[in-house]
Amino acid sequence: MLNDDQKARLRDRGVLHLPGFLPEAAFRPVRERVERVMLDEGHFDGTDWIVPAERPKWPNGGFAGKRIKKAKELRLLDTEDLRATIQDLLDGEDLFTFMDRPQPLFTLNNADEWFLPSTIWHVDLPRFAGCDEPGYQMFTFLAPVQPRCGGTLVVAGSHRVGNPSTGVLRSKRVKGVLKRYDTFADLLSAKSKNRERLLETSETVDGVEVQVVEFTGEPGDVWLMDMRLLHTLAPNPSPAPRLMVTQRYVRESAWQLLGELSRTEAAA
């Protein structure tokens, strides 16, 4: 379980790094399974990763075939301690997941150099009025991910900016609302010349401190992310692939709202 200070930081910033949270028994079998598949598919020679002869260009380069996505070993990452920790955050409500097992987030070498993107920023869960803390997304690592080597990028604090007072906001509308603020207009503009300042310093937007955070870490580390946070995929200039895994956990009341929204949209 998280202590009170960790809970407060997570709720304030929307992200929390938990080094060594998952035991080796959870991530090692997944890593070994992935290595066997990647060896068969020519991405790994048994010792080193193999850079593709025709390197993809960002944002392409994601890969994870059915043999990996359907691997039963992925379920080992969905530990009882992880679920209990998130359920404790969400007032003990039952948890629902988008997928029956965690999802691989793999990226091959797809850029000459790292940059902070202005595109593909999104949220993974609609923002419902009156539904604070609807759920958390877990990210973990199967191999070390160093800074500027493809780790997921998030805007810490963004979950507290632009939430609706009534109704619901989908991802596209969330970005439209956030663009009204100079900081986010800068981040989401291809013409911005100093976007990367947000990696080094925070800025205050509507009374909330926001800053771009890069998910880096070692196997077994976990990042928790409020699912209302703005985030995007990053380029990977490293010769090694970015090997991360994620799972999304939604509280029961938010899951019911999602179902109602889907039914309403289907009937429209």
Protein backbone atom coordinates (compact mmCIF):
# COMPACT_ATOMS: atom_id res chain seq x y z
CA MET A 1 0.00 0.00 0.00
CA LEU A 2 1.07 3.60 -0.52
CA ASN A 3 1.70 5.83 2.46
CA ASP A 4 -0.14 9.12 2.92
CA ASP A 5 2.69 11.17 1.40
CA GLN A 6 2.81 9.00 -1.72
CA LYS A 7 -0.96 9.20 -2.13
CA ALA A 8 -0.88 12.97 -1.79
CA ARG A 9 1.91 13.32 -4.39
CA LEU A 10 0.13 10.99 -6.80
CA ARG A 11 -3.14 12.88 -6.52
CA ASP A 12 -1.40 16.24 -6.89
CA ARG A 13 0.91 15.38 -9.79
CA GLY A 14 -1.02 12.50 -11.34
CA VAL A 15 2.13 10.33 -11.52
CA LEU A 16 4.20 8.37 -9.04
CA HIS A 17 7.37 6.30 -9.55
CA LEU A 18 7.63 3.13 -7.44
CA PRO A 19 11.14 1.64 -7.88
CA GLY A 20 11.33 -2.14 -7.54
CA PHE A 21 7.61 -2.54 -6.89
CA LEU A 22 7.18 -5.77 -8.88
CA PRO A 23 9.10 -8.90 -7.85
CA GLU A 24 11.48 -10.61 -10.25
CA ALA A 25 9.10 -13.59 -10.35
CA ALA A 26 6.58 -11.29 -12.07
CA PHE A 27 8.73 -9.70 -14.77
CA ARG A 28 11.46 -12.25 -15.55
CA PRO A 29 9.18 -14.86 -17.21
CA VAL A 30 7.67 -12.09 -19.36
CA ARG A 31 11.10 -10.84 -20.39
CA GLU A 32 12.26 -14.38 -21.23
CA ARG A 33 9.14 -15.03 -23.31
CA VAL A 34 9.65 -11.78 -25.21
CA GLU A 35 13.30 -12.59 -25.89
CA ARG A 36 12.35 -15.98 -27.35
CA VAL A 37 9.83 -14.39 -29.70
CA MET A 38 12.17 -11.57 -30.69
CA LEU A 39 14.92 -14.08 -31.39
CA ASP A 40 12.58 -15.91 -33.78
CA GLU A 41 11.54 -12.65 -35.43
CA GLY A 42 15.06 -11.33 -35.93
CA HIS A 43 15.06 -8.49 -33.41
CA PHE A 44 17.43 -10.24 -30.98
CA ASP A 45 20.47 -12.49 -31.48
CA GLY A 46 20.48 -14.05 -28.03
CA THR A 47 22.76 -11.37 -26.58
CA ASP A 48 22.11 -8.04 -28.28
CA TRP A 49 19.17 -6.30 -29.92
CA ILE A 50 19.31 -5.99 -33.70
CA VAL A 51 18.63 -2.58 -35.26
CA PRO A 52 16.30 -3.07 -38.26
CA ALA A 53 17.91 -2.67 -41.69
CA GLU A 54 15.05 -0.40 -42.73
CA ARG A 55 14.54 1.69 -39.64
CA PRO A 56 10.99 2.96 -39.12
CA LYS A 57 10.37 6.67 -38.73
CA TRP A 58 8.62 8.04 -35.67
CA PRO A 59 5.75 7.70 -34.81
CA ASN A 60 6.02 4.29 -36.49
CA GLY A 61 8.19 1.60 -34.96
CA GLY A 62 5.81 0.07 -32.48
CA PHE A 63 5.82 -3.70 -32.58
CA ALA A 64 4.37 -6.57 -30.59
CA GLY A 65 2.89 -9.47 -32.53
CA LYS A 66 0.13 -11.77 -31.38
CA ARG A 67 2.65 -14.18 -29.86
CA ILE A 68 3.65 -11.45 -27.43
CA LYS A 69 0.27 -9.77 -26.92
CA LYS A 70 -1.38 -13.09 -26.09
CA ALA A 71 1.46 -14.43 -23.91
CA LYS A 72 0.01 -15.86 -20.70
CA GLU A 73 3.12 -14.66 -18.83
CA LEU A 74 1.88 -11.05 -19.13
CA ARG A 75 -0.74 -11.81 -16.47
CA LEU A 76 2.08 -12.26 -13.93
CA LEU A 77 2.57 -8.46 -13.98
CA ASP A 78 -0.99 -7.95 -12.72
CA THR A 79 -0.05 -8.82 -9.14
CA GLU A 80 -2.30 -8.92 -6.10
CA ASP A 81 -0.19 -6.21 -4.45
CA LEU A 82 -0.61 -3.93 -7.47
CA ARG A 83 -4.37 -4.39 -7.58
CA ALA A 84 -4.67 -3.91 -3.83
CA THR A 85 -2.62 -0.71 -4.02
CA ILE A 86 -4.82 0.76 -6.76
CA GLN A 87 -8.04 -0.42 -5.13
CA ASP A 88 -6.97 1.29 -1.91
CA LEU A 89 -6.51 4.54 -3.86
CA LEU A 90 -9.97 4.17 -5.37
CA ASP A 91 -11.86 3.85 -2.09
CA GLY A 92 -12.01 0.07 -2.24
CA GLU A 93 -14.26 0.00 -5.32
CA ASP A 94 -14.10 -2.98 -7.65
CA LEU A 95 -11.62 -2.59 -10.51
CA PHE A 96 -12.22 -3.13 -14.21
CA THR A 97 -9.56 -3.36 -16.92
CA PHE A 98 -9.65 -2.55 -20.63
CA MET A 99 -7.69 -5.73 -21.45
CA ASP A 100 -7.63 -9.25 -20.04
CA ARG A 101 -3.86 -8.99 -19.61
CA PRO A 102 -1.30 -6.16 -19.57
CA GLN A 103 -0.42 -4.65 -22.96
CA PRO A 104 3.13 -4.51 -24.38
CA LEU A 105 4.40 -1.07 -25.43
CA PHE A 106 7.42 -1.84 -27.59
CA THR A 107 9.25 0.65 -29.84
CA LEU A 108 12.12 -0.09 -32.20
CA ASN A 109 14.85 2.43 -32.96
CA ASN A 110 12.90 5.01 -34.98
CA ALA A 111 14.75 8.34 -34.79
CA ASP A 112 18.21 9.84 -35.26
CA GLU A 113 17.77 11.98 -32.16
CA TRP A 114 15.28 12.46 -29.38
CA PHE A 115 12.73 15.29 -29.41
CA LEU A 116 9.65 16.31 -27.46
CA PRO A 117 6.67 15.69 -29.77
CA SER A 118 3.92 18.20 -30.41
CA THR A 119 1.51 15.52 -31.65
CA ILE A 120 -0.28 12.34 -30.55
CA TRP A 121 -0.91 13.75 -27.08
CA HIS A 122 -4.08 12.20 -25.70
CA VAL A 123 -5.94 10.96 -22.63
CA ASP A 124 -6.98 7.32 -22.26
CA LEU A 125 -10.21 7.96 -20.39
CA PRO A 126 -12.91 10.60 -20.99
CA ARG A 127 -13.20 13.25 -18.33
CA PHE A 128 -16.59 13.06 -16.62
CA ALA A 129 -17.89 15.96 -14.55
CA GLY A 130 -17.89 15.04 -10.87
CA CYS A 131 -15.77 11.93 -11.40
CA ASP A 132 -12.45 12.65 -9.74
CA GLU A 133 -9.79 9.93 -9.73
CA PRO A 134 -11.61 7.57 -12.13
CA GLY A 135 -8.71 5.18 -12.52
CA TYR A 136 -4.98 4.58 -12.80
CA GLN A 137 -2.73 3.21 -15.49
CA MET A 138 0.27 1.09 -14.58
CA PHE A 139 3.50 1.18 -16.60
CA THR A 140 6.44 -1.13 -16.01
CA PHE A 141 9.67 -2.18 -17.76
CA LEU A 142 11.04 -5.45 -19.13
CA ALA A 143 14.45 -3.88 -19.81
CA PRO A 144 16.05 -0.63 -18.61
CA VAL A 145 14.69 2.51 -20.28
CA GLN A 146 17.12 5.40 -20.01
CA PRO A 147 16.25 9.08 -20.47
CA ARG A 148 15.46 10.01 -24.06
CA CYS A 149 15.21 6.38 -25.17
CA GLY A 150 11.51 6.08 -25.94
CA GLY A 151 9.89 6.17 -22.49
CA THR A 152 6.27 7.37 -22.36
CA LEU A 153 5.88 11.14 -21.84
CA VAL A 154 3.19 12.65 -19.61
CA VAL A 155 2.26 16.14 -18.47
CA ALA A 156 2.23 15.89 -14.69
CA GLY A 157 -0.57 17.97 -13.19
CA SER A 158 -2.59 18.13 -16.42
CA HIS A 159 -5.34 15.95 -14.91
CA ARG A 160 -6.31 18.93 -12.73
CA VAL A 161 -6.62 21.44 -15.59
CA GLY A 162 -9.66 21.86 -17.85
CA ASN A 163 -12.01 19.32 -16.27
CA PRO A 164 -15.68 19.82 -17.19
CA SER A 165 -18.19 21.22 -14.71
CA THR A 166 -20.94 19.36 -16.57
CA GLY A 167 -21.03 16.56 -19.11
CA VAL A 168 -18.03 14.73 -20.49
CA LEU A 169 -14.91 15.56 -22.51
CA ARG A 170 -13.32 13.08 -24.90
CA SER A 171 -9.59 13.23 -25.65
CA LYS A 172 -9.87 15.62 -28.62
CA ARG A 173 -12.00 18.09 -26.67
CA VAL A 174 -9.66 17.86 -23.67
CA LYS A 175 -6.81 19.03 -25.91
CA GLY A 176 -9.01 21.81 -27.28
CA VAL A 177 -9.69 23.07 -23.77
CA LEU A 178 -6.03 22.83 -22.71
CA LYS A 179 -4.88 24.75 -25.80
CA ARG A 180 -6.58 27.83 -24.37
CA TYR A 181 -3.62 28.04 -21.97
CA ASP A 182 -0.30 29.30 -23.34
CA THR A 183 1.73 26.44 -21.88
CA PHE A 184 -0.35 23.77 -23.58
CA ALA A 185 -0.70 25.79 -26.79
CA ASP A 186 3.11 25.81 -26.90
CA LEU A 187 3.40 22.09 -26.17
CA LEU A 188 0.88 21.13 -28.85
CA SER A 189 2.24 23.42 -31.58
CA ALA A 190 4.74 22.20 -34.17
CA LYS A 191 5.87 25.82 -34.51
CA SER A 192 7.01 26.10 -30.89
CA LYS A 193 10.76 26.57 -30.58
CA ASN A 194 11.15 26.02 -26.82
CA ARG A 195 8.79 23.14 -26.06
CA GLU A 196 11.53 21.16 -24.31
CA ARG A 197 11.74 23.72 -21.51
CA LEU A 198 8.80 21.84 -19.97
CA LEU A 199 11.12 18.90 -19.28
CA GLU A 200 13.40 21.05 -17.16
CA THR A 201 11.03 23.40 -15.37
CA SER A 202 7.40 23.46 -14.29
CA GLU A 203 4.90 26.15 -15.18
CA THR A 204 1.72 27.19 -13.39
CA VAL A 205 -1.50 26.80 -15.38
CA ASP A 206 -4.77 27.88 -13.78
CA GLY A 207 -3.16 27.50 -10.34
CA VAL A 208 -1.76 24.03 -11.11
CA GLU A 209 1.94 23.19 -11.50
CA VAL A 210 2.50 21.25 -14.74
CA GLN A 211 5.64 19.67 -16.18
CA VAL A 212 6.53 17.02 -18.74
CA VAL A 213 7.75 13.81 -17.09
CA GLU A 214 9.50 10.95 -18.89
CA PHE A 215 8.87 7.40 -17.74
CA THR A 216 12.29 5.80 -17.26
CA GLY A 217 13.33 2.94 -15.02
CA GLU A 218 14.46 -0.61 -14.46
CA PRO A 219 12.65 -3.96 -14.67
CA GLY A 220 10.27 -4.18 -11.73
CA ASP A 221 9.81 -0.43 -11.44
CA VAL A 222 6.23 0.80 -11.71
CA TRP A 223 4.83 4.19 -12.67
CA LEU A 224 1.23 4.93 -11.73
CA MET A 225 -0.60 7.52 -13.86
CA ASP A 226 -4.00 9.13 -13.39
CA MET A 227 -5.87 8.24 -16.58
CA ARG A 228 -6.95 11.84 -17.15
CA LEU A 229 -3.33 12.90 -17.75
CA LEU A 230 -2.22 14.11 -21.16
CA HIS A 231 0.49 11.80 -22.50
CA THR A 232 2.17 10.65 -25.72
CA LEU A 233 4.65 8.19 -27.21
CA ALA A 234 8.26 9.30 -27.57
CA PRO A 235 10.90 8.72 -30.25
CA ASN A 236 13.52 6.06 -29.56
CA PRO A 237 16.99 6.90 -30.91
CA SER A 238 18.55 4.06 -28.88
CA PRO A 239 19.63 0.88 -30.70
CA ALA A 240 17.74 -1.11 -28.06
CA PRO A 241 13.95 -1.35 -28.27
CA ARG A 242 11.80 0.33 -25.65
CA LEU A 243 10.20 -2.57 -23.75
CA MET A 244 7.40 -1.37 -21.49
CA VAL A 245 4.09 -2.92 -20.45
CA THR A 246 0.90 -1.22 -19.30
CA GLN A 247 -2.48 -2.03 -17.76
CA ARG A 248 -5.42 0.28 -17.09
CA TYR A 249 -7.53 0.01 -13.94
CA VAL A 250 -10.89 1.80 -13.74
CA ARG A 251 -13.06 2.09 -10.65
CA GLU A 252 -16.53 0.55 -10.88
CA SER A 253 -18.43 3.88 -10.84
CA ALA A 254 -16.31 5.25 -13.70
CA TRP A 255 -16.71 1.97 -15.61
CA GLN A 256 -20.49 2.37 -15.36
CA LEU A 257 -20.22 5.93 -16.72
CA LEU A 258 -18.19 4.61 -19.66
CA GLY A 259 -20.89 2.04 -20.36
CA GLU A 260 -23.61 4.68 -20.24
CA LEU A 261 -21.61 6.90 -22.60
CA SER A 262 -21.13 4.03 -25.06
CA ARG A 263 -24.84 3.21 -25.02
CA THR A 264 -25.78 6.87 -25.55
CA GLU A 265 -23.38 7.25 -28.47
CA ALA A 266 -24.58 3.97 -30.02
CA ALA A 267 -28.17 5.19 -29.88
CA ALA A 268 -27.38 8.63 -31.36
